[in-house]
Protein backbone atom coordinates (compact mmCIF):
# COMPACT_ATOMS: atom_id res chain seq x y z
CA MET A 1 2.49 -45.69 200.63
CA SER A 2 -0.73 -44.92 202.96
CA GLU A 3 -0.35 -45.12 206.42
CA ILE A 4 -2.21 -48.46 206.70
CA ILE A 5 -0.34 -50.10 204.21
CA LYS A 6 3.00 -49.44 206.14
CA GLU A 7 1.18 -50.47 209.31
CA ILE A 8 0.26 -53.91 207.70
CA ARG A 9 3.64 -54.26 206.10
CA GLN A 10 5.42 -53.77 209.70
CA ARG A 11 2.96 -56.08 211.28
CA LEU A 12 3.71 -58.85 209.06
CA PHE A 13 7.56 -58.48 209.15
CA ALA A 14 6.97 -58.57 213.11
CA LEU A 15 5.56 -62.06 212.60
CA GLN A 16 7.86 -63.29 210.59
CA ASP A 17 9.53 -67.11 211.03
CA MET A 18 12.57 -67.13 208.68
CA GLN A 19 12.60 -70.95 209.21
CA TYR A 20 8.63 -70.99 207.91
CA ARG A 21 9.77 -68.79 205.22
CA ASP A 22 12.30 -71.11 203.78
CA PHE A 23 10.16 -74.28 204.12
CA GLN A 24 7.33 -72.23 202.36
CA SER A 25 9.32 -70.74 199.58
CA ARG A 26 10.33 -74.18 198.68
CA LEU A 27 6.68 -75.19 198.08
CA MET A 28 5.81 -72.32 195.84
CA PRO A 29 8.26 -72.36 192.65
CA THR A 30 6.22 -69.75 191.26
CA VAL A 31 6.79 -66.95 194.15
CA ALA A 32 10.44 -65.40 194.32
CA LYS A 33 11.62 -66.12 197.69
CA GLU A 34 12.47 -62.52 198.40
CA THR A 35 8.56 -61.72 198.24
CA VAL A 36 7.89 -64.16 201.00
CA ILE A 37 8.00 -62.71 204.75
CA GLY A 38 7.05 -65.81 206.40
CA VAL A 39 4.24 -65.55 208.67
CA ARG A 40 2.17 -68.53 209.63
CA MET A 41 -1.61 -68.72 208.07
CA PRO A 42 -3.11 -68.70 211.84
CA GLU A 43 -1.43 -65.36 212.51
CA LEU A 44 -2.76 -63.96 209.00
CA ARG A 45 -6.32 -65.07 209.89
CA ARG A 46 -6.34 -63.49 213.26
CA LEU A 47 -4.82 -60.14 211.61
CA ALA A 48 -7.58 -60.07 208.92
CA LYS A 49 -10.12 -60.54 211.74
CA GLU A 50 -8.76 -57.58 213.68
CA LEU A 51 -8.40 -55.51 210.61
CA SER A 52 -11.69 -56.12 208.60
CA ALA A 53 -13.44 -53.38 210.65
CA ARG A 54 -11.37 -50.69 210.13
CA GLU A 55 -12.64 -47.93 207.65
CA ASP A 56 -9.11 -47.61 206.04
CA ILE A 57 -8.75 -51.37 205.24
CA LYS A 58 -10.08 -50.44 201.84
CA GLU A 59 -6.86 -48.54 200.78
CA PHE A 60 -5.06 -51.85 201.28
CA LEU A 61 -7.49 -53.51 199.11
CA GLU A 62 -7.09 -51.25 196.57
CA ASP A 63 -3.51 -51.46 196.58
CA LEU A 64 -3.03 -54.17 194.02
CA PRO A 65 -0.69 -55.93 193.01
CA HIS A 66 0.75 -56.41 196.29
CA GLY A 67 4.58 -56.52 196.65
CA TYR A 68 4.62 -59.52 199.30
CA TYR A 69 3.04 -63.09 199.05
CA GLU A 70 1.47 -62.51 202.63
CA GLU A 71 -0.17 -59.19 201.96
CA ASN A 72 -1.97 -61.24 198.90
CA ASN A 73 -2.83 -64.18 201.70
CA LEU A 74 -4.08 -61.25 204.05
CA HIS A 75 -6.13 -59.83 201.32
CA GLY A 76 -7.48 -63.33 200.49
CA PHE A 77 -8.71 -63.86 204.37
CA LEU A 78 -10.02 -60.34 204.41
CA ILE A 79 -12.25 -61.11 201.64
CA MET A 80 -13.11 -64.22 203.52
CA GLN A 81 -14.54 -61.82 206.24
CA GLU A 82 -17.31 -60.20 203.80
CA ARG A 83 -20.71 -61.20 205.06
CA ASP A 84 -22.54 -59.85 201.83
CA TYR A 85 -22.62 -62.12 198.82
CA THR A 86 -22.37 -59.44 196.34
CA ARG A 87 -19.68 -57.56 197.71
CA CYS A 88 -17.90 -60.66 198.23
CA ILE A 89 -18.20 -61.32 194.74
CA GLU A 90 -16.78 -57.96 193.48
CA LYS A 91 -13.90 -57.87 195.77
CA LEU A 92 -12.92 -61.65 194.35
CA GLU A 93 -13.04 -60.37 190.80
CA ILE A 94 -10.62 -57.52 191.38
CA PHE A 95 -8.60 -59.95 193.28
CA LEU A 96 -8.38 -62.93 191.33
CA PRO A 97 -6.36 -62.00 188.21
CA CYS A 98 -3.53 -61.12 190.66
CA ILE A 99 -3.10 -64.46 192.30
CA ASP A 100 0.33 -65.85 191.34
CA ASN A 101 0.39 -69.19 193.25
CA TRP A 102 -1.60 -72.34 194.38
CA ALA A 103 -1.44 -71.42 198.13
CA THR A 104 -3.17 -68.01 197.90
CA CYS A 105 -5.52 -69.37 195.62
CA ASP A 106 -6.89 -72.62 197.76
CA LEU A 107 -6.84 -70.59 200.71
CA LEU A 108 -10.11 -68.49 199.26
CA ARG A 109 -13.14 -69.94 200.40
CA PRO A 110 -15.79 -67.54 201.32
CA LYS A 111 -18.21 -68.80 203.89
CA ILE A 112 -20.85 -66.75 202.45
CA PHE A 113 -20.87 -68.82 199.31
CA GLN A 114 -22.34 -71.75 201.22
CA LYS A 115 -25.71 -69.66 201.53
CA ASN A 116 -25.76 -68.58 198.12
CA LEU A 117 -24.99 -71.59 196.15
CA GLN A 118 -27.74 -70.85 193.39
CA GLU A 119 -26.05 -67.55 192.37
CA LEU A 120 -22.47 -68.74 192.85
CA ILE A 121 -22.90 -71.46 190.28
CA GLN A 122 -23.70 -68.87 187.43
CA LYS A 123 -20.22 -67.17 188.09
CA ILE A 124 -18.26 -70.77 187.93
CA PRO A 125 -18.50 -71.08 184.12
CA GLY A 126 -16.79 -67.61 183.69
CA TRP A 127 -14.00 -68.71 185.93
CA LEU A 128 -13.81 -72.04 184.33
CA GLY A 129 -13.22 -70.26 180.90
CA SER A 130 -10.71 -67.87 182.03
CA GLU A 131 -6.89 -67.67 180.31
CA HIS A 132 -5.56 -67.25 184.06
CA PRO A 133 -4.63 -70.43 185.30
CA TYR A 134 -5.39 -69.58 188.82
CA ILE A 135 -8.61 -68.35 188.20
CA ILE A 136 -9.60 -71.74 186.41
CA ARG A 137 -8.09 -73.54 189.48
CA PHE A 138 -10.23 -71.55 191.75
CA GLY A 139 -13.38 -72.13 189.68
CA ILE A 140 -12.84 -76.01 189.96
CA GLU A 141 -11.88 -75.76 193.79
CA MET A 142 -15.29 -73.96 193.96
CA LEU A 143 -17.20 -76.95 192.27
CA MET A 144 -15.43 -79.49 194.43
CA VAL A 145 -16.06 -77.52 197.98
CA TYR A 146 -19.55 -76.57 197.15
CA TYR A 147 -21.29 -78.88 194.55
CA LEU A 148 -20.25 -82.31 195.28
CA ASP A 149 -23.20 -83.07 197.96
CA GLU A 150 -26.26 -81.93 198.17
CA ALA A 151 -25.88 -79.26 195.44
CA PHE A 152 -24.09 -81.84 192.75
CA SER A 153 -25.34 -82.11 189.37
CA PRO A 154 -23.93 -84.26 186.85
CA GLU A 155 -23.22 -81.66 184.48
CA TYR A 156 -20.51 -80.28 186.83
CA PRO A 157 -17.83 -83.08 186.33
CA GLU A 158 -18.32 -82.66 182.52
CA TRP A 159 -17.53 -78.88 183.15
CA VAL A 160 -14.27 -79.94 184.80
CA ALA A 161 -13.32 -82.67 182.32
CA GLY A 162 -13.66 -80.50 179.50
CA LEU A 163 -10.63 -78.51 180.55
CA SER A 164 -8.40 -81.49 180.76
CA GLN A 165 -6.03 -81.51 177.58
CA LYS A 166 -5.97 -84.67 175.48
CA LYS A 167 -2.68 -84.96 174.91
CA SER A 168 -0.53 -86.61 177.77
CA SER A 169 1.13 -84.23 179.96
CA GLN A 170 4.39 -86.08 180.43
CA SER A 171 5.00 -87.27 176.84
CA VAL A 172 8.53 -86.17 176.71
CA THR A 173 11.67 -87.93 177.81
CA VAL A 174 14.28 -86.48 179.62
CA ASN A 175 16.68 -86.66 176.53
CA LEU A 176 14.18 -84.53 174.77
CA LEU A 177 13.89 -81.83 177.47
CA PHE A 178 17.83 -81.35 177.56
CA GLU A 179 17.86 -81.21 173.63
CA HIS A 180 15.20 -78.40 173.64
CA ALA A 181 17.05 -76.75 176.45
CA ASN A 182 20.29 -76.71 174.64
CA HIS A 183 18.58 -74.99 171.70
CA VAL A 184 17.20 -72.35 173.85
CA VAL A 185 20.30 -71.53 175.66
CA PRO A 186 22.98 -69.60 173.61
CA ASP A 187 26.26 -71.31 173.34
CA ARG A 188 28.59 -69.24 175.42
CA GLY A 189 32.62 -69.48 174.29
CA GLU A 190 33.83 -68.87 177.84
CA SER A 191 33.25 -72.29 179.32
CA PRO A 192 31.01 -75.27 178.20
CA GLN A 193 27.60 -74.98 179.38
CA ARG A 194 26.71 -77.03 182.51
CA THR A 195 22.96 -78.35 182.80
CA PHE A 196 21.57 -80.57 185.70
CA PHE A 197 18.24 -81.35 187.12
CA THR A 198 17.47 -80.72 190.60
CA SER A 199 14.44 -81.94 192.91
CA ALA A 200 11.44 -79.74 192.94
CA LEU A 201 8.77 -79.61 195.73
CA GLY A 202 6.17 -77.50 193.73
CA GLU A 203 2.86 -78.57 195.49
CA PRO A 204 2.68 -80.96 198.38
CA ASP A 205 2.34 -83.73 195.84
CA GLY A 206 5.57 -82.76 194.33
CA PHE A 207 6.54 -82.40 190.26
CA PRO A 208 6.74 -85.18 188.26
CA ALA A 209 10.45 -86.69 188.53
CA ASN A 210 11.23 -86.20 184.88
CA LEU A 211 9.70 -82.43 184.90
CA VAL A 212 11.69 -80.57 187.54
CA PRO A 213 13.25 -77.37 187.06
CA LEU A 214 16.26 -77.31 184.96
CA ARG A 215 19.16 -74.90 185.91
CA GLU A 216 21.21 -73.45 183.61
CA ASN A 217 24.96 -72.13 184.44
CA LEU A 218 25.95 -70.59 181.03
CA SER A 219 29.59 -69.10 182.68
CA ALA A 220 31.15 -68.72 185.44
CA ASN A 221 30.79 -65.00 185.08
CA GLY A 222 27.86 -65.14 182.89
CA PRO A 223 24.07 -64.87 184.35
CA ARG A 224 22.42 -67.79 185.85
CA ARG A 225 19.12 -68.50 184.08
CA THR A 226 16.65 -71.06 185.20
CA PHE A 227 14.27 -72.90 182.89
CA SER A 228 10.96 -74.48 183.82
CA ALA A 229 9.29 -77.60 181.93
CA ILE A 230 6.14 -77.22 180.59
CA ARG A 231 4.13 -80.17 180.12
CA ASP A 232 4.60 -80.47 176.52
CA GLY A 233 8.23 -80.46 176.75
CA ARG A 234 9.11 -76.67 176.28
CA PHE A 235 11.21 -74.74 178.31
CA VAL A 236 10.39 -71.20 179.43
CA ASN A 237 13.03 -68.98 180.54
CA ASN A 238 12.66 -67.44 184.09
CA THR A 239 9.26 -68.57 184.49
CA PRO A 240 9.30 -71.11 187.21
CA ASP A 241 5.73 -72.16 187.23
CA ASP A 242 4.17 -74.87 184.87
CA ARG A 243 0.78 -73.16 184.43
CA ARG A 244 -0.94 -76.23 183.02
CA TYR A 245 0.15 -78.13 186.02
CA TYR A 246 -1.59 -76.21 188.50
CA VAL A 247 -4.96 -76.44 186.52
CA ASN A 248 -4.56 -80.28 185.87
CA MET A 249 -3.59 -80.92 189.61
CA MET A 250 -6.67 -79.41 190.59
CA ILE A 251 -8.70 -81.08 188.04
CA ALA A 252 -7.36 -84.49 189.53
CA TRP A 253 -7.88 -83.31 193.02
CA TYR A 254 -11.88 -82.63 192.08
CA PHE A 255 -12.29 -86.13 190.33
CA ALA A 256 -10.47 -87.95 193.32
CA THR A 257 -12.81 -85.95 195.48
CA ALA A 258 -15.71 -86.73 193.33
CA LEU A 259 -14.91 -90.56 193.37
CA ALA A 260 -15.29 -90.14 197.18
CA LYS A 261 -18.59 -88.37 197.00
CA GLN A 262 -20.40 -89.40 193.86
CA TYR A 263 -18.55 -92.43 192.95
CA GLU A 264 -21.09 -94.11 190.61
CA THR A 265 -21.55 -90.49 188.30
CA THR A 266 -17.77 -90.25 188.21
CA LEU A 267 -16.37 -93.55 187.72
CA PRO A 268 -17.34 -93.56 183.87
CA TYR A 269 -14.78 -90.41 183.29
CA ILE A 270 -12.03 -92.83 184.72
CA GLU A 271 -13.11 -96.18 182.83
CA ASN A 272 -13.77 -94.22 179.58
CA HIS A 273 -10.29 -91.99 180.14
CA VAL A 274 -11.84 -89.05 179.57
CA LEU A 275 -9.16 -87.01 181.30
CA ASP A 276 -5.35 -86.73 179.73
CA THR A 277 -3.08 -89.60 180.90
CA TRP A 278 -1.42 -87.63 183.47
CA THR A 279 -4.52 -86.29 185.05
CA HIS A 280 -6.17 -89.59 184.78
CA ASN A 281 -3.30 -91.48 186.56
CA LYS A 282 -3.29 -88.46 189.36
CA THR A 283 -6.87 -88.57 189.79
CA ILE A 284 -6.21 -92.44 190.79
CA GLN A 285 -3.28 -91.80 193.02
CA LYS A 286 -5.29 -89.27 194.99
CA ALA A 287 -8.16 -91.44 194.99
CA ILE A 288 -6.13 -94.64 196.14
CA GLU A 289 -4.57 -92.34 198.94
CA SER A 290 -8.04 -91.30 200.38
CA ASP A 291 -9.48 -92.58 203.34
CA ARG A 292 -12.80 -91.87 202.07
CA ILE A 293 -12.91 -94.43 199.18
CA SER A 294 -13.33 -98.37 200.22
CA GLU A 295 -10.81 -100.80 199.40
CA GLU A 296 -12.99 -102.56 197.03
CA HIS A 297 -13.26 -99.38 194.94
CA LYS A 298 -9.71 -98.46 195.37
CA ALA A 299 -8.62 -101.96 194.11
CA TYR A 300 -10.63 -101.30 191.08
CA LEU A 301 -9.36 -98.02 190.33
CA ARG A 302 -5.60 -99.84 190.22
CA THR A 303 -6.64 -101.66 187.39
CA LEU A 304 -7.55 -98.52 185.19
CA ARG A 305 -4.08 -96.94 185.58
CA VAL A 306 -2.37 -96.17 182.11
CA ARG A 307 0.95 -96.98 181.38
CA ARG A 308 2.59 -93.98 179.37
CA ALA A 309 4.45 -95.52 176.45
CA LEU A 310 7.93 -93.66 176.19
CA PRO A 311 8.34 -92.37 172.53
């Protein structure tokens, strides 16, 4: 480990706030709590601004993947200090595959992009076509942040709508989730299986109530294993993130913002139910919560909600 990496880690721990660490960890089920130090964003921004002029900062930027959540966020803030568009893109392309949570993904909004919108739009289809959920999410976010005002084009919502799954993301009942979990978890003779659902904060919006993580205690002496529901009803062992969820949430955020800024062009996507049911309803929820949409438009959007029939 190089000296600057040691220095940065020491400085991050010097800024540690354990109460904030616990709070932040609850918001990020895809990040192991032990990898969260607990440093507030303003502190990270100040540190990035200070370190950006260092000659040896390149050693930190090349030390991927980072071991701590805050190191990733600091890396993101350092990229945002870049004033050359080409170098910014080069650094982003290296860093994006290393992102493992929505919070780090969403802080990436380089100011240099605003001055290079014609070049940036050429990059976005590649991000949207990625297999990596947070690269896809980042691409949608760039369309939302930079291309819903003067640079808007009607084709851009088409790009985002094309990412939406047609199958309802909540088409599975709790009973089916339990049934599948019992198939995944091997029976143990020492003691009966004990399953229970717990609340999950997920993103600030929260996970849907019937799709929160399932925790399974196999026995008093056996290992504790965590299962998380993917929106098609499957459980993945020791995978606390629903990757599709973080893409679908950003799709909903995009269309809710588009309804606020480009209402007439965006409304047909909702009227014609182009999005999958979960994303469709989440879009309407976010739009109704917005103070940028008129009460008249909110009233109409309420009539477009889709009720999900239980199987």
